[in-house]
């Protein structure tokens, strides 16, 4: 089956398609995709992942379906609530 693995930085984005056997987990697909070769800063065992925008808690046991897109998430620089508060203070 075919799945995609996606990662994005502000300066570069990449979606890699990978053929994997049925029953492959999200973590296995990320490792098989070679995305770490494109973005060496990624640690597949420690990065947050999701499928089409929905976070998966256990990527090492989440089996994928045909056509799924595994998304790798960068850590937030600032909490969204704090960013909103900072913008409101700046406008006042």
C-alpha atoms as a PDB file:
ATOM      1  CA  UNK A   1       0.000   0.000   0.000  1.00  0.00           C
ATOM      2  CA  UNK A   2       1.072   3.585  -0.525  1.00  0.00           C
ATOM      3  CA  UNK A   3       1.263   6.222   2.214  1.00  0.00           C
ATOM      4  CA  UNK A   4       2.843   9.670   2.459  1.00  0.00           C
ATOM      5  CA  UNK A   5       5.176  11.120   5.071  1.00  0.00           C
ATOM      6  CA  UNK A   6       5.192  14.921   5.411  1.00  0.00           C
ATOM      7  CA  UNK A   7       7.355  17.405   7.284  1.00  0.00           C
ATOM      8  CA  UNK A   8       7.672  21.166   6.981  1.00  0.00           C
ATOM      9  CA  UNK A   9       9.998  23.869   8.209  1.00  0.00           C
ATOM     10  CA  UNK A  10       9.460  27.555   7.442  1.00  0.00           C
ATOM     11  CA  UNK A  11      12.094  27.333   4.693  1.00  0.00           C
ATOM     12  CA  UNK A  12      11.458  23.844   3.294  1.00  0.00           C
ATOM     13  CA  UNK A  13       8.616  21.328   3.012  1.00  0.00           C
ATOM     14  CA  UNK A  14       8.674  17.737   1.831  1.00  0.00           C
ATOM     15  CA  UNK A  15       6.065  15.041   1.214  1.00  0.00           C
ATOM     16  CA  UNK A  16       7.495  11.628   0.428  1.00  0.00           C
ATOM     17  CA  UNK A  17       5.423   8.759  -0.921  1.00  0.00           C
ATOM     18  CA  UNK A  18       6.423   5.332   0.314  1.00  0.00           C
ATOM     19  CA  UNK A  19       5.189   1.823  -0.460  1.00  0.00           C
ATOM     20  CA  UNK A  20       4.774  -0.237   2.709  1.00  0.00           C
ATOM     21  CA  UNK A  21       3.193  -3.606   3.511  1.00  0.00           C
ATOM     22  CA  UNK A  22      -0.237  -3.880   5.152  1.00  0.00           C
ATOM     23  CA  UNK A  23      -0.042  -3.476   8.923  1.00  0.00           C
ATOM     24  CA  UNK A  24       2.847  -0.988   8.834  1.00  0.00           C
ATOM     25  CA  UNK A  25       2.809   1.462  11.736  1.00  0.00           C
ATOM     26  CA  UNK A  26       3.237   5.220  11.452  1.00  0.00           C
ATOM     27  CA  UNK A  27       6.693   5.034  13.017  1.00  0.00           C
ATOM     28  CA  UNK A  28       7.799   2.289  10.616  1.00  0.00           C
ATOM     29  CA  UNK A  29       6.575   4.317   7.630  1.00  0.00           C
ATOM     30  CA  UNK A  30       8.497   7.385   8.779  1.00  0.00           C
ATOM     31  CA  UNK A  31      11.688   5.361   9.128  1.00  0.00           C
ATOM     32  CA  UNK A  32      11.147   3.665   5.745  1.00  0.00           C
ATOM     33  CA  UNK A  33      10.450   6.963   3.955  1.00  0.00           C
ATOM     34  CA  UNK A  34      13.963   8.366   4.291  1.00  0.00           C
ATOM     35  CA  UNK A  35      12.648  11.708   5.541  1.00  0.00           C
ATOM     36  CA  UNK A  36      15.505  11.761   8.076  1.00  0.00           C
ATOM     37  CA  UNK A  37      17.936  11.991   5.151  1.00  0.00           C
ATOM     38  CA  UNK A  38      16.172  15.174   3.997  1.00  0.00           C
ATOM     39  CA  UNK A  39      15.735  16.619   7.516  1.00  0.00           C
ATOM     40  CA  UNK A  40      18.532  15.275   9.755  1.00  0.00           C
ATOM     41  CA  UNK A  41      17.142  17.126  12.795  1.00  0.00           C
ATOM     42  CA  UNK A  42      14.186  14.709  12.954  1.00  0.00           C
ATOM     43  CA  UNK A  43      14.283  11.980  15.576  1.00  0.00           C
ATOM     44  CA  UNK A  44      11.489   9.589  14.506  1.00  0.00           C
ATOM     45  CA  UNK A  45      11.340   7.965  17.938  1.00  0.00           C
ATOM     46  CA  UNK A  46      10.729  11.293  19.688  1.00  0.00           C
ATOM     47  CA  UNK A  47       8.723  13.498  17.291  1.00  0.00           C
ATOM     48  CA  UNK A  48       4.953  14.090  17.486  1.00  0.00           C
ATOM     49  CA  UNK A  49       2.993  12.596  14.583  1.00  0.00           C
ATOM     50  CA  UNK A  50      -0.490  12.750  13.174  1.00  0.00           C
ATOM     51  CA  UNK A  51      -2.627  11.442  10.340  1.00  0.00           C
ATOM     52  CA  UNK A  52      -4.280  14.209   8.301  1.00  0.00           C
ATOM     53  CA  UNK A  53      -4.049  16.683  11.200  1.00  0.00           C
ATOM     54  CA  UNK A  54      -5.181  14.335  13.979  1.00  0.00           C
ATOM     55  CA  UNK A  55      -2.471  13.572  16.532  1.00  0.00           C
ATOM     56  CA  UNK A  56      -1.705   9.921  17.147  1.00  0.00           C
ATOM     57  CA  UNK A  57      -0.632   9.056  20.686  1.00  0.00           C
ATOM     58  CA  UNK A  58       1.282   5.846  19.897  1.00  0.00           C
ATOM     59  CA  UNK A  59       2.837   6.020  16.426  1.00  0.00           C
ATOM     60  CA  UNK A  60       4.743   2.799  17.104  1.00  0.00           C
ATOM     61  CA  UNK A  61       1.469   0.842  17.287  1.00  0.00           C
ATOM     62  CA  UNK A  62      -0.860   2.872  14.998  1.00  0.00           C
ATOM     63  CA  UNK A  63      -1.421   0.796  11.838  1.00  0.00           C
ATOM     64  CA  UNK A  64      -1.779   2.808   8.645  1.00  0.00           C
ATOM     65  CA  UNK A  65      -4.377   2.551   5.889  1.00  0.00           C
ATOM     66  CA  UNK A  66      -3.926   2.974   2.141  1.00  0.00           C
ATOM     67  CA  UNK A  67      -3.438   6.659   1.274  1.00  0.00           C
ATOM     68  CA  UNK A  68      -2.758   7.903   4.819  1.00  0.00           C
ATOM     69  CA  UNK A  69      -0.459  10.900   5.218  1.00  0.00           C
ATOM     70  CA  UNK A  70       1.766  10.751   8.296  1.00  0.00           C
ATOM     71  CA  UNK A  71       2.582  14.293   9.380  1.00  0.00           C
ATOM     72  CA  UNK A  72       5.551  15.079  11.601  1.00  0.00           C
ATOM     73  CA  UNK A  73       5.064  18.051  13.912  1.00  0.00           C
ATOM     74  CA  UNK A  74       7.703  20.528  15.041  1.00  0.00           C
ATOM     75  CA  UNK A  75       7.531  21.665  18.671  1.00  0.00           C
ATOM     76  CA  UNK A  76       5.756  24.956  19.250  1.00  0.00           C
ATOM     77  CA  UNK A  77       8.000  27.978  19.758  1.00  0.00           C
ATOM     78  CA  UNK A  78       5.392  29.739  21.888  1.00  0.00           C
ATOM     79  CA  UNK A  79       2.084  28.655  23.359  1.00  0.00           C
ATOM     80  CA  UNK A  80      -0.748  29.888  21.068  1.00  0.00           C
ATOM     81  CA  UNK A  81      -2.601  31.447  24.024  1.00  0.00           C
ATOM     82  CA  UNK A  82       0.498  33.392  25.028  1.00  0.00           C
ATOM     83  CA  UNK A  83       1.047  34.553  21.438  1.00  0.00           C
ATOM     84  CA  UNK A  84      -2.533  35.834  21.265  1.00  0.00           C
ATOM     85  CA  UNK A  85      -2.095  37.624  24.603  1.00  0.00           C
ATOM     86  CA  UNK A  86       1.132  39.227  23.366  1.00  0.00           C
ATOM     87  CA  UNK A  87      -0.601  40.463  20.181  1.00  0.00           C
ATOM     88  CA  UNK A  88      -3.480  41.936  22.216  1.00  0.00           C
ATOM     89  CA  UNK A  89      -1.046  43.786  24.504  1.00  0.00           C
ATOM     90  CA  UNK A  90       0.815  45.158  21.487  1.00  0.00           C
ATOM     91  CA  UNK A  91      -2.410  46.576  19.962  1.00  0.00           C
ATOM     92  CA  UNK A  92      -3.481  48.257  23.230  1.00  0.00           C
END
